[in-house]
Amino acid sequence: MLAVFLVAMLVSGIAPHYRQDWLMENVLVLLTLAVLVAGFRRRRFSNASYAALFGFLLLHELGAHYTYAEVPWDRWFSALFGFSLNDAWGASRNHFDRAIHFAYGLLVTPLAVELAARRTAPRGAWYWIVPVSLMTASSAVYELFEWGAAVCFGGDLGVAYLGTQGDPWDAQQDMFLALLGSVAAVAVLAAAVVFRCPRKFPGADSR
């Protein structure tokens, strides 16, 4: 998965819509990969968590290539199904960034569940509350990082990286969607435990 992702990153870097934005979008990705690779032997996560993170990072690279505000997802949807989802919803903005924030909560939470179980050993409901809290906090920190970068660089690059599309509540809605995605993820994982599905996450079968 690491090799495939690195190839995908290189492909997304071929004639991106905005080169500087592509570079900024991948700073945190490269740092995350470095941490995961460095700790692979000592703090290895489950294959399921790696696969979920892999899926999220692929979606992120799509946004990095086009910039999040300009991914032509609705055009692709129209070509496949013959109608515009934006028109059906009455939407006036590109909602790809909204979908990715939800995907962040949904696909990165499994890794947060494992991390919280190892580092804090939460019990009962806290086994699920702690990772959701971690995901919500990380989403807020990222919004602050976006704001700081936009203020620092300013101009078209700042606007492209921030991707608010004129919505003054963009940061709040993004954080809320990440929270919803995280809650959805723990609901699925908790249901798997309740219905005695095969164990996929360390410690989940004992809580």
N, C-alpha and C. Protein backbone atom coordinates (compact mmCIF):
# COMPACT_ATOMS: atom_id res chain seq x y z
N MET A 1 0.83 -1.21 0.00
CA MET A 1 0.00 0.00 0.00
C MET A 1 0.87 1.26 0.00
N LEU A 2 1.99 1.20 0.72
CA LEU A 2 2.89 2.34 0.74
C LEU A 2 3.44 2.62 -0.66
N ALA A 3 3.85 1.56 -1.33
CA ALA A 3 4.40 1.72 -2.68
C ALA A 3 3.35 2.27 -3.64
N VAL A 4 2.14 1.73 -3.56
CA VAL A 4 1.06 2.21 -4.44
C VAL A 4 0.75 3.67 -4.15
N PHE A 5 0.72 4.02 -2.87
CA PHE A 5 0.41 5.41 -2.53
C PHE A 5 1.48 6.36 -3.03
N LEU A 6 2.75 5.98 -2.89
CA LEU A 6 3.83 6.86 -3.36
C LEU A 6 3.73 7.08 -4.86
N VAL A 7 3.35 6.03 -5.60
CA VAL A 7 3.14 6.18 -7.04
C VAL A 7 1.97 7.13 -7.30
N ALA A 8 0.88 6.96 -6.51
CA ALA A 8 -0.28 7.84 -6.67
C ALA A 8 0.08 9.29 -6.38
N MET A 9 0.93 9.49 -5.38
CA MET A 9 1.35 10.85 -5.05
C MET A 9 2.16 11.46 -6.20
N LEU A 10 3.05 10.66 -6.76
CA LEU A 10 3.84 11.16 -7.90
C LEU A 10 2.95 11.49 -9.08
N VAL A 11 1.96 10.64 -9.34
CA VAL A 11 1.03 10.89 -10.45
C VAL A 11 0.23 12.16 -10.20
N SER A 12 -0.23 12.35 -8.95
CA SER A 12 -1.00 13.56 -8.63
C SER A 12 -0.15 14.82 -8.76
N GLY A 13 1.17 14.66 -8.69
CA GLY A 13 2.06 15.79 -8.83
C GLY A 13 2.41 16.14 -10.27
N ILE A 14 1.87 15.37 -11.23
CA ILE A 14 2.10 15.67 -12.65
C ILE A 14 1.13 16.75 -13.09
N ALA A 15 1.65 17.90 -13.39
CA ALA A 15 0.85 19.05 -13.84
C ALA A 15 -0.37 19.30 -12.95
N PRO A 16 -0.17 19.46 -11.64
CA PRO A 16 -1.32 19.78 -10.78
C PRO A 16 -1.88 21.14 -11.11
N HIS A 17 -3.09 21.37 -10.71
CA HIS A 17 -3.74 22.65 -11.01
C HIS A 17 -2.98 23.83 -10.41
N TYR A 18 -2.42 23.62 -9.22
CA TYR A 18 -1.71 24.70 -8.54
C TYR A 18 -0.53 24.05 -7.82
N ARG A 19 0.67 24.16 -8.39
CA ARG A 19 1.85 23.46 -7.88
C ARG A 19 2.13 23.76 -6.41
N GLN A 20 2.11 25.04 -6.03
CA GLN A 20 2.42 25.39 -4.65
C GLN A 20 1.41 24.80 -3.67
N ASP A 21 0.13 24.79 -4.08
CA ASP A 21 -0.90 24.20 -3.22
C ASP A 21 -0.67 22.71 -3.08
N TRP A 22 -0.29 22.04 -4.16
CA TRP A 22 -0.01 20.60 -4.11
C TRP A 22 1.11 20.32 -3.12
N LEU A 23 2.14 21.14 -3.13
CA LEU A 23 3.25 20.96 -2.20
C LEU A 23 2.79 21.15 -0.76
N MET A 24 2.00 22.17 -0.52
CA MET A 24 1.51 22.42 0.84
C MET A 24 0.59 21.30 1.33
N GLU A 25 -0.25 20.80 0.43
CA GLU A 25 -1.17 19.73 0.81
C GLU A 25 -0.43 18.46 1.21
N ASN A 26 0.79 18.28 0.69
CA ASN A 26 1.51 17.04 0.94
C ASN A 26 2.55 17.13 2.06
N VAL A 27 2.71 18.29 2.66
CA VAL A 27 3.66 18.42 3.77
C VAL A 27 3.26 17.51 4.93
N LEU A 28 2.01 17.62 5.38
CA LEU A 28 1.56 16.80 6.50
C LEU A 28 1.49 15.32 6.12
N VAL A 29 1.18 15.04 4.87
CA VAL A 29 1.14 13.65 4.41
C VAL A 29 2.51 13.00 4.53
N LEU A 30 3.54 13.69 4.07
CA LEU A 30 4.90 13.14 4.15
C LEU A 30 5.36 12.98 5.59
N LEU A 31 5.00 13.93 6.45
CA LEU A 31 5.35 13.80 7.86
C LEU A 31 4.65 12.60 8.49
N THR A 32 3.38 12.41 8.15
CA THR A 32 2.62 11.27 8.67
C THR A 32 3.23 9.95 8.21
N LEU A 33 3.56 9.87 6.94
CA LEU A 33 4.17 8.65 6.41
C LEU A 33 5.50 8.36 7.09
N ALA A 34 6.29 9.41 7.32
CA ALA A 34 7.59 9.23 7.97
C ALA A 34 7.41 8.65 9.38
N VAL A 35 6.43 9.16 10.12
CA VAL A 35 6.17 8.67 11.47
C VAL A 35 5.69 7.21 11.43
N LEU A 36 4.79 6.89 10.50
CA LEU A 36 4.27 5.53 10.41
C LEU A 36 5.35 4.53 10.02
N VAL A 37 6.19 4.92 9.07
CA VAL A 37 7.26 4.02 8.63
C VAL A 37 8.29 3.84 9.75
N ALA A 38 8.65 4.93 10.43
CA ALA A 38 9.65 4.85 11.50
C ALA A 38 9.16 3.98 12.65
N GLY A 39 7.85 4.02 12.92
CA GLY A 39 7.32 3.24 14.04
C GLY A 39 6.69 1.92 13.65
N PHE A 40 6.91 1.49 12.41
CA PHE A 40 6.21 0.29 11.92
C PHE A 40 6.56 -0.95 12.74
N ARG A 41 7.83 -1.12 13.08
CA ARG A 41 8.24 -2.32 13.81
C ARG A 41 7.77 -2.30 15.26
N ARG A 42 7.80 -1.11 15.88
CA ARG A 42 7.50 -1.02 17.31
C ARG A 42 6.01 -0.77 17.58
N ARG A 43 5.34 -0.08 16.71
CA ARG A 43 3.93 0.27 16.94
C ARG A 43 3.12 -0.01 15.68
N ARG A 44 3.12 -1.22 15.29
CA ARG A 44 2.39 -1.58 14.07
C ARG A 44 0.89 -1.62 14.34
N PHE A 45 0.13 -1.05 13.41
CA PHE A 45 -1.33 -1.07 13.52
C PHE A 45 -1.88 -2.24 12.70
N SER A 46 -3.18 -2.45 12.77
CA SER A 46 -3.79 -3.55 12.03
C SER A 46 -3.82 -3.24 10.54
N ASN A 47 -3.91 -4.29 9.75
CA ASN A 47 -4.00 -4.11 8.30
C ASN A 47 -5.25 -3.32 7.91
N ALA A 48 -6.33 -3.53 8.67
CA ALA A 48 -7.57 -2.81 8.38
C ALA A 48 -7.39 -1.30 8.55
N SER A 49 -6.68 -0.91 9.60
CA SER A 49 -6.45 0.52 9.83
C SER A 49 -5.56 1.11 8.75
N TYR A 50 -4.53 0.38 8.37
CA TYR A 50 -3.66 0.85 7.29
C TYR A 50 -4.44 0.99 5.99
N ALA A 51 -5.33 0.03 5.72
CA ALA A 51 -6.10 0.07 4.48
C ALA A 51 -7.05 1.27 4.47
N ALA A 52 -7.68 1.56 5.63
CA ALA A 52 -8.58 2.70 5.72
C ALA A 52 -7.81 4.01 5.52
N LEU A 53 -6.64 4.11 6.15
CA LEU A 53 -5.81 5.31 5.97
C LEU A 53 -5.36 5.45 4.53
N PHE A 54 -5.01 4.33 3.91
CA PHE A 54 -4.61 4.31 2.51
C PHE A 54 -5.72 4.89 1.63
N GLY A 55 -6.96 4.48 1.87
CA GLY A 55 -8.09 5.00 1.10
C GLY A 55 -8.26 6.50 1.27
N PHE A 56 -8.12 6.96 2.51
CA PHE A 56 -8.25 8.40 2.75
C PHE A 56 -7.15 9.18 2.04
N LEU A 57 -5.92 8.70 2.10
CA LEU A 57 -4.80 9.42 1.49
C LEU A 57 -4.94 9.48 -0.03
N LEU A 58 -5.49 8.43 -0.64
CA LEU A 58 -5.73 8.47 -2.08
C LEU A 58 -6.73 9.58 -2.43
N LEU A 59 -7.79 9.69 -1.64
CA LEU A 59 -8.77 10.75 -1.87
C LEU A 59 -8.13 12.13 -1.67
N HIS A 60 -7.26 12.21 -0.68
CA HIS A 60 -6.55 13.47 -0.43
C HIS A 60 -5.68 13.87 -1.63
N GLU A 61 -5.02 12.90 -2.23
CA GLU A 61 -4.17 13.22 -3.38
C GLU A 61 -4.98 13.71 -4.56
N LEU A 62 -6.20 13.22 -4.68
CA LEU A 62 -7.10 13.72 -5.72
C LEU A 62 -7.38 15.20 -5.49
N GLY A 63 -7.67 15.55 -4.23
CA GLY A 63 -7.91 16.95 -3.89
C GLY A 63 -6.66 17.80 -4.06
N ALA A 64 -5.49 17.24 -3.75
CA ALA A 64 -4.25 17.98 -3.89
C ALA A 64 -3.95 18.28 -5.36
N HIS A 65 -4.29 17.35 -6.25
CA HIS A 65 -4.01 17.55 -7.67
C HIS A 65 -4.83 18.70 -8.26
N TYR A 66 -6.13 18.72 -7.95
CA TYR A 66 -7.01 19.72 -8.54
C TYR A 66 -7.16 20.98 -7.69
N THR A 67 -6.78 20.91 -6.43
CA THR A 67 -7.17 21.77 -5.31
C THR A 67 -8.59 21.33 -4.93
N TYR A 68 -8.86 21.33 -3.64
CA TYR A 68 -10.12 20.77 -3.14
C TYR A 68 -11.35 21.48 -3.71
N ALA A 69 -11.24 22.76 -3.94
CA ALA A 69 -12.40 23.52 -4.40
C ALA A 69 -12.72 23.29 -5.87
N GLU A 70 -11.81 22.61 -6.60
CA GLU A 70 -12.00 22.48 -8.04
C GLU A 70 -11.96 21.05 -8.55
N VAL A 71 -12.08 20.07 -7.68
CA VAL A 71 -12.15 18.68 -8.13
C VAL A 71 -13.46 18.50 -8.91
N PRO A 72 -13.39 18.06 -10.16
CA PRO A 72 -14.61 17.98 -10.99
C PRO A 72 -15.45 16.74 -10.71
N TRP A 73 -15.71 16.48 -9.45
CA TRP A 73 -16.43 15.27 -9.07
C TRP A 73 -17.86 15.25 -9.62
N ASP A 74 -18.53 16.42 -9.68
CA ASP A 74 -19.91 16.45 -10.17
C ASP A 74 -19.96 16.17 -11.67
N ARG A 75 -18.94 16.62 -12.40
CA ARG A 75 -18.86 16.32 -13.83
C ARG A 75 -18.70 14.82 -14.05
N TRP A 76 -17.85 14.20 -13.21
CA TRP A 76 -17.67 12.75 -13.30
C TRP A 76 -18.97 12.03 -12.96
N PHE A 77 -19.66 12.52 -11.93
CA PHE A 77 -20.92 11.92 -11.52
C PHE A 77 -21.94 12.01 -12.65
N SER A 78 -22.01 13.17 -13.29
CA SER A 78 -22.95 13.37 -14.39
C SER A 78 -22.64 12.45 -15.57
N ALA A 79 -21.35 12.25 -15.85
CA ALA A 79 -20.96 11.37 -16.95
C ALA A 79 -21.36 9.92 -16.67
N LEU A 80 -21.31 9.52 -15.40
CA LEU A 80 -21.64 8.15 -15.03
C LEU A 80 -23.14 7.90 -14.93
N PHE A 81 -23.87 8.88 -14.36
CA PHE A 81 -25.28 8.64 -14.04
C PHE A 81 -26.26 9.52 -14.82
N GLY A 82 -25.74 10.44 -15.62
CA GLY A 82 -26.61 11.21 -16.49
C GLY A 82 -27.29 12.41 -15.87
N PHE A 83 -26.97 12.76 -14.63
CA PHE A 83 -27.54 13.96 -14.03
C PHE A 83 -26.56 14.54 -13.02
N SER A 84 -26.74 15.82 -12.75
CA SER A 84 -25.85 16.53 -11.84
C SER A 84 -26.35 16.40 -10.41
N LEU A 85 -25.49 15.92 -9.54
CA LEU A 85 -25.85 15.81 -8.13
C LEU A 85 -25.95 17.19 -7.50
N ASN A 86 -25.10 18.11 -7.94
CA ASN A 86 -25.18 19.48 -7.43
C ASN A 86 -26.53 20.11 -7.76
N ASP A 87 -27.00 19.90 -9.00
CA ASP A 87 -28.30 20.44 -9.39
C ASP A 87 -29.42 19.80 -8.58
N ALA A 88 -29.31 18.49 -8.35
CA ALA A 88 -30.33 17.78 -7.58
C ALA A 88 -30.39 18.29 -6.15
N TRP A 89 -29.24 18.63 -5.59
CA TRP A 89 -29.19 19.15 -4.22
C TRP A 89 -29.44 20.65 -4.15
N GLY A 90 -29.36 21.31 -5.30
CA GLY A 90 -29.44 22.76 -5.29
C GLY A 90 -28.20 23.40 -4.70
N ALA A 91 -27.06 22.71 -4.83
CA ALA A 91 -25.80 23.19 -4.26
C ALA A 91 -25.12 24.17 -5.22
N SER A 92 -24.51 25.19 -4.65
CA SER A 92 -23.82 26.19 -5.47
C SER A 92 -22.31 26.13 -5.29
N ARG A 93 -21.80 25.23 -4.47
CA ARG A 93 -20.37 25.12 -4.23
C ARG A 93 -19.91 23.69 -4.51
N ASN A 94 -18.60 23.52 -4.57
CA ASN A 94 -18.02 22.19 -4.74
C ASN A 94 -17.90 21.53 -3.37
N HIS A 95 -18.61 20.43 -3.19
CA HIS A 95 -18.66 19.79 -1.88
C HIS A 95 -17.64 18.66 -1.72
N PHE A 96 -16.67 18.59 -2.61
CA PHE A 96 -15.66 17.54 -2.47
C PHE A 96 -14.91 17.67 -1.15
N ASP A 97 -14.60 18.91 -0.75
CA ASP A 97 -13.87 19.09 0.51
C ASP A 97 -14.71 18.65 1.70
N ARG A 98 -16.02 18.85 1.64
CA ARG A 98 -16.90 18.38 2.71
C ARG A 98 -16.83 16.85 2.82
N ALA A 99 -16.88 16.20 1.65
CA ALA A 99 -16.83 14.74 1.64
C ALA A 99 -15.51 14.22 2.22
N ILE A 100 -14.42 14.92 1.93
CA ILE A 100 -13.12 14.47 2.42
C ILE A 100 -13.00 14.65 3.92
N HIS A 101 -13.58 15.70 4.48
CA HIS A 101 -13.54 15.86 5.93
C HIS A 101 -14.35 14.76 6.61
N PHE A 102 -15.47 14.38 6.02
CA PHE A 102 -16.23 13.25 6.56
C PHE A 102 -15.41 11.96 6.44
N ALA A 103 -14.75 11.79 5.28
CA ALA A 103 -13.92 10.61 5.07
C ALA A 103 -12.75 10.57 6.05
N TYR A 104 -12.23 11.74 6.41
CA TYR A 104 -11.15 11.79 7.40
C TYR A 104 -11.62 11.17 8.72
N GLY A 105 -12.79 11.60 9.19
CA GLY A 105 -13.32 11.03 10.42
C GLY A 105 -13.61 9.56 10.30
N LEU A 106 -14.16 9.16 9.17
CA LEU A 106 -14.56 7.77 8.97
C LEU A 106 -13.37 6.82 8.82
N LEU A 107 -12.37 7.23 8.05
CA LEU A 107 -11.29 6.32 7.67
C LEU A 107 -10.04 6.39 8.55
N VAL A 108 -9.89 7.47 9.30
CA VAL A 108 -8.71 7.58 10.16
C VAL A 108 -9.04 7.17 11.60
N THR A 109 -10.32 7.17 11.96
CA THR A 109 -10.71 6.80 13.31
C THR A 109 -10.27 5.38 13.71
N PRO A 110 -10.34 4.37 12.82
CA PRO A 110 -9.86 3.04 13.24
C PRO A 110 -8.43 3.06 13.78
N LEU A 111 -7.57 3.85 13.16
CA LEU A 111 -6.20 3.97 13.64
C LEU A 111 -6.18 4.68 15.00
N ALA A 112 -7.03 5.69 15.16
CA ALA A 112 -7.10 6.41 16.44
C ALA A 112 -7.61 5.50 17.55
N VAL A 113 -8.52 4.59 17.23
CA VAL A 113 -9.02 3.63 18.23
C VAL A 113 -7.87 2.76 18.73
N GLU A 114 -7.08 2.26 17.81
CA GLU A 114 -5.94 1.42 18.20
C GLU A 114 -4.92 2.21 19.01
N LEU A 115 -4.64 3.42 18.56
CA LEU A 115 -3.65 4.26 19.24
C LEU A 115 -4.10 4.57 20.67
N ALA A 116 -5.37 4.95 20.83
CA ALA A 116 -5.89 5.26 22.16
C ALA A 116 -5.88 4.03 23.06
N ALA A 117 -6.20 2.86 22.50
CA ALA A 117 -6.22 1.63 23.29
C ALA A 117 -4.83 1.29 23.81
N ARG A 118 -3.81 1.59 23.02
CA ARG A 118 -2.44 1.26 23.43
C ARG A 118 -1.86 2.27 24.41
N ARG A 119 -2.16 3.53 24.19
CA ARG A 119 -1.51 4.58 24.98
C ARG A 119 -2.27 4.94 26.25
N THR A 120 -3.59 4.81 26.26
CA THR A 120 -4.37 5.24 27.42
C THR A 120 -5.18 4.14 28.07
N ALA A 121 -5.33 3.00 27.39
CA ALA A 121 -6.10 1.86 27.90
C ALA A 121 -7.47 2.27 28.44
N PRO A 122 -8.28 2.98 27.66
CA PRO A 122 -9.61 3.40 28.15
C PRO A 122 -10.53 2.19 28.31
N ARG A 123 -11.50 2.30 29.20
CA ARG A 123 -12.44 1.22 29.44
C ARG A 123 -13.87 1.68 29.24
N GLY A 124 -14.74 0.71 28.98
CA GLY A 124 -16.14 1.02 28.79
C GLY A 124 -16.38 1.97 27.64
N ALA A 125 -17.28 2.92 27.84
CA ALA A 125 -17.63 3.87 26.78
C ALA A 125 -16.44 4.73 26.38
N TRP A 126 -15.48 4.93 27.31
CA TRP A 126 -14.31 5.74 27.00
C TRP A 126 -13.45 5.13 25.91
N TYR A 127 -13.59 3.82 25.71
CA TYR A 127 -12.85 3.16 24.62
C TYR A 127 -13.20 3.79 23.27
N TRP A 128 -14.44 4.29 23.16
CA TRP A 128 -14.90 4.91 21.92
C TRP A 128 -14.87 6.43 22.00
N ILE A 129 -15.11 6.99 23.18
CA ILE A 129 -15.15 8.44 23.32
C ILE A 129 -13.77 9.07 23.09
N VAL A 130 -12.72 8.43 23.63
CA VAL A 130 -11.37 8.99 23.52
C VAL A 130 -10.93 9.15 22.06
N PRO A 131 -11.05 8.10 21.21
CA PRO A 131 -10.63 8.29 19.81
C PRO A 131 -11.46 9.32 19.06
N VAL A 132 -12.76 9.39 19.33
CA VAL A 132 -13.58 10.42 18.69
C VAL A 132 -13.11 11.81 19.11
N SER A 133 -12.77 11.95 20.38
CA SER A 133 -12.25 13.23 20.87
C SER A 133 -10.92 13.57 20.20
N LEU A 134 -10.06 12.57 20.05
CA LEU A 134 -8.78 12.78 19.37
C LEU A 134 -8.99 13.24 17.93
N MET A 135 -9.93 12.61 17.24
CA MET A 135 -10.19 12.97 15.85
C MET A 135 -10.76 14.38 15.74
N THR A 136 -11.67 14.72 16.65
CA THR A 136 -12.26 16.06 16.62
C THR A 136 -11.20 17.12 16.91
N ALA A 137 -10.34 16.83 17.88
CA ALA A 137 -9.27 17.78 18.21
C ALA A 137 -8.29 17.93 17.05
N SER A 138 -7.93 16.82 16.41
CA SER A 138 -6.99 16.90 15.29
C SER A 138 -7.60 17.66 14.13
N SER A 139 -8.91 17.53 13.94
CA SER A 139 -9.59 18.28 12.88
C SER A 139 -9.53 19.78 13.17
N ALA A 140 -9.72 20.15 14.44
CA ALA A 140 -9.64 21.56 14.82
C ALA A 140 -8.22 22.09 14.64
N VAL A 141 -7.22 21.29 15.01
CA VAL A 141 -5.83 21.71 14.85
C VAL A 141 -5.51 21.91 13.37
N TYR A 142 -6.02 21.04 12.52
CA TYR A 142 -5.78 21.19 11.08
C TYR A 142 -6.39 22.48 10.55
N GLU A 143 -7.60 22.81 11.02
CA GLU A 143 -8.23 24.06 10.57
C GLU A 143 -7.39 25.26 11.00
N LEU A 144 -6.80 25.20 12.19
CA LEU A 144 -5.91 26.27 12.63
C LEU A 144 -4.65 26.33 11.77
N PHE A 145 -4.15 25.16 11.40
CA PHE A 145 -2.97 25.09 10.53
C PHE A 145 -3.31 25.71 9.17
N GLU A 146 -4.48 25.38 8.63
CA GLU A 146 -4.91 25.95 7.35
C GLU A 146 -5.00 27.47 7.43
N TRP A 147 -5.62 27.95 8.51
CA TRP A 147 -5.77 29.39 8.69
C TRP A 147 -4.40 30.07 8.77
N GLY A 148 -3.49 29.50 9.56
CA GLY A 148 -2.16 30.07 9.70
C GLY A 148 -1.40 30.11 8.39
N ALA A 149 -1.50 29.01 7.61
CA ALA A 149 -0.82 28.96 6.31
C ALA A 149 -1.41 29.97 5.35
N ALA A 150 -2.74 30.11 5.36
CA ALA A 150 -3.39 31.06 4.46
C ALA A 150 -2.99 32.49 4.79
N VAL A 151 -2.91 32.80 6.08
CA VAL A 151 -2.49 34.15 6.50
C VAL A 151 -1.03 34.38 6.13
N CYS A 152 -0.21 33.35 6.31
CA CYS A 152 1.23 33.47 6.04
C CYS A 152 1.50 33.69 4.55
N PHE A 153 0.88 32.89 3.70
CA PHE A 153 1.17 32.96 2.27
C PHE A 153 0.28 33.96 1.53
N GLY A 154 -0.96 34.08 1.96
CA GLY A 154 -1.87 35.06 1.37
C GLY A 154 -2.09 34.86 -0.12
N GLY A 155 -2.72 35.82 -0.75
CA GLY A 155 -2.94 35.78 -2.20
C GLY A 155 -3.71 34.57 -2.68
N ASP A 156 -3.50 34.22 -3.94
CA ASP A 156 -4.20 33.10 -4.55
C ASP A 156 -3.85 31.78 -3.88
N LEU A 157 -2.60 31.64 -3.44
CA LEU A 157 -2.18 30.40 -2.78
C LEU A 157 -2.93 30.21 -1.47
N GLY A 158 -3.05 31.26 -0.69
CA GLY A 158 -3.78 31.18 0.57
C GLY A 158 -5.24 30.82 0.35
N VAL A 159 -5.85 31.42 -0.66
CA VAL A 159 -7.25 31.14 -0.97
C VAL A 159 -7.42 29.70 -1.44
N ALA A 160 -6.51 29.22 -2.30
CA ALA A 160 -6.59 27.85 -2.82
C ALA A 160 -6.41 26.84 -1.70
N TYR A 161 -5.49 27.11 -0.79
CA TYR A 161 -5.22 26.17 0.29
C TYR A 161 -6.35 26.15 1.31
N LEU A 162 -6.90 27.31 1.61
CA LEU A 162 -7.98 27.39 2.59
C LEU A 162 -9.26 26.77 2.04
N GLY A 163 -9.58 27.04 0.79
CA GLY A 163 -10.71 26.40 0.11
C GLY A 163 -12.07 26.67 0.71
N THR A 164 -12.28 27.86 1.27
CA THR A 164 -13.57 28.14 1.91
C THR A 164 -14.69 28.37 0.90
N GLN A 165 -14.34 28.77 -0.32
CA GLN A 165 -15.31 29.05 -1.37
C GLN A 165 -16.35 30.08 -0.91
N GLY A 166 -15.90 31.04 -0.13
CA GLY A 166 -16.78 32.11 0.31
C GLY A 166 -17.67 31.78 1.49
N ASP A 167 -17.53 30.60 2.08
CA ASP A 167 -18.36 30.19 3.20
C ASP A 167 -17.71 30.61 4.52
N PRO A 168 -18.30 31.55 5.27
CA PRO A 168 -17.68 32.00 6.53
C PRO A 168 -17.68 30.93 7.61
N TRP A 169 -18.52 29.89 7.45
CA TRP A 169 -18.60 28.80 8.43
C TRP A 169 -17.93 27.53 7.92
N ASP A 170 -17.03 27.68 6.96
CA ASP A 170 -16.39 26.51 6.36
C ASP A 170 -15.65 25.66 7.39
N ALA A 171 -14.86 26.29 8.25
CA ALA A 171 -14.07 25.54 9.23
C ALA A 171 -14.97 24.77 10.18
N GLN A 172 -16.04 25.42 10.65
CA GLN A 172 -16.95 24.74 11.59
C GLN A 172 -17.65 23.56 10.94
N GLN A 173 -18.09 23.75 9.70
CA GLN A 173 -18.77 22.64 9.02
C GLN A 173 -17.81 21.49 8.74
N ASP A 174 -16.58 21.82 8.38
CA ASP A 174 -15.59 20.77 8.14
C ASP A 174 -15.33 19.96 9.41
N MET A 175 -15.18 20.64 10.55
CA MET A 175 -14.95 19.94 11.80
C MET A 175 -16.16 19.08 12.19
N PHE A 176 -17.36 19.61 11.94
CA PHE A 176 -18.57 18.86 12.26
C PHE A 176 -18.66 17.59 11.42
N LEU A 177 -18.32 17.68 10.14
CA LEU A 177 -18.37 16.51 9.28
C LEU A 177 -17.32 15.48 9.69
N ALA A 178 -16.14 15.94 10.09
CA ALA A 178 -15.13 15.01 10.60
C ALA A 178 -15.64 14.30 11.85
N LEU A 179 -16.33 15.04 12.72
CA LEU A 179 -16.93 14.44 13.91
C LEU A 179 -17.97 13.40 13.54
N LEU A 180 -18.84 13.72 12.58
CA LEU A 180 -19.85 12.75 12.14
C LEU A 180 -19.20 11.49 11.57
N GLY A 181 -18.15 11.68 10.76
CA GLY A 181 -17.46 10.52 10.20
C GLY A 181 -16.84 9.65 11.28
N SER A 182 -16.27 10.29 12.30
CA SER A 182 -15.66 9.55 13.39
C SER A 182 -16.71 8.78 14.20
N VAL A 183 -17.83 9.42 14.47
CA VAL A 183 -18.92 8.76 15.19
C VAL A 183 -19.44 7.56 14.39
N ALA A 184 -19.57 7.75 13.06
CA ALA A 184 -20.01 6.65 12.21
C ALA A 184 -19.03 5.48 12.27
N ALA A 185 -17.73 5.80 12.29
CA ALA A 185 -16.71 4.75 12.34
C ALA A 185 -16.79 3.95 13.64
N VAL A 186 -16.89 4.65 14.78
CA VAL A 186 -16.94 3.91 16.05
C VAL A 186 -18.25 3.16 16.20
N ALA A 187 -19.32 3.66 15.57
CA ALA A 187 -20.59 2.93 15.60
C ALA A 187 -20.45 1.59 14.88
N VAL A 188 -19.76 1.61 13.74
CA VAL A 188 -19.53 0.37 12.99
C VAL A 188 -18.63 -0.58 13.79
N LEU A 189 -17.57 -0.05 14.36
CA LEU A 189 -16.64 -0.88 15.13
C LEU A 189 -17.31 -1.45 16.37
N ALA A 190 -18.11 -0.63 17.06
CA ALA A 190 -18.82 -1.10 18.25
C ALA A 190 -19.83 -2.19 17.88
N ALA A 191 -20.51 -2.00 16.74
CA ALA A 191 -21.46 -3.02 16.30
C ALA A 191 -20.75 -4.33 15.98
N ALA A 192 -19.55 -4.23 15.42
CA ALA A 192 -18.78 -5.43 15.12
C ALA A 192 -18.45 -6.19 16.39
N VAL A 193 -18.16 -5.45 17.47
CA VAL A 193 -17.86 -6.09 18.75
C VAL A 193 -19.11 -6.73 19.33
N VAL A 194 -20.22 -6.00 19.30
CA VAL A 194 -21.48 -6.49 19.87
C VAL A 194 -21.93 -7.77 19.18
N PHE A 195 -21.81 -7.80 17.86
CA PHE A 195 -22.25 -8.96 17.10
C PHE A 195 -21.15 -10.02 16.94
N ARG A 196 -20.07 -9.84 17.73
CA ARG A 196 -19.00 -10.83 17.78
C ARG A 196 -18.40 -11.13 16.41
N CYS A 197 -18.15 -10.06 15.65
CA CYS A 197 -17.45 -10.24 14.38
C CYS A 197 -16.00 -10.58 14.68
N PRO A 198 -15.27 -11.16 13.71
CA PRO A 198 -13.85 -11.45 13.93
C PRO A 198 -13.11 -10.19 14.34
N ARG A 199 -12.18 -10.33 15.29
CA ARG A 199 -11.44 -9.18 15.82
C ARG A 199 -10.59 -8.53 14.73
N LYS A 200 -10.72 -7.22 14.62
CA LYS A 200 -9.93 -6.48 13.63
C LYS A 200 -9.04 -5.43 14.29
N PHE A 201 -9.37 -5.06 15.53
CA PHE A 201 -8.62 -4.01 16.18
C PHE A 201 -8.19 -4.47 17.57
N PRO A 202 -6.91 -4.30 17.90
CA PRO A 202 -6.40 -4.76 19.18
C PRO A 202 -7.22 -4.26 20.36
N GLY A 203 -7.65 -5.19 21.21
CA GLY A 203 -8.36 -4.82 22.42
C GLY A 203 -9.85 -4.64 22.25
N ALA A 204 -10.33 -4.55 21.00
CA ALA A 204 -11.74 -4.27 20.79
C ALA A 204 -12.62 -5.40 21.29
N ASP A 205 -12.14 -6.65 21.23
CA ASP A 205 -12.97 -7.78 21.62
C ASP A 205 -13.04 -7.93 23.13
N SER A 206 -12.23 -7.16 23.87
CA SER A 206 -12.25 -7.31 25.32
C SER A 206 -12.96 -6.15 26.01
N ARG A 207 -13.52 -5.24 25.24
CA ARG A 207 -14.20 -4.09 25.82
C ARG A 207 -15.72 -4.26 25.66
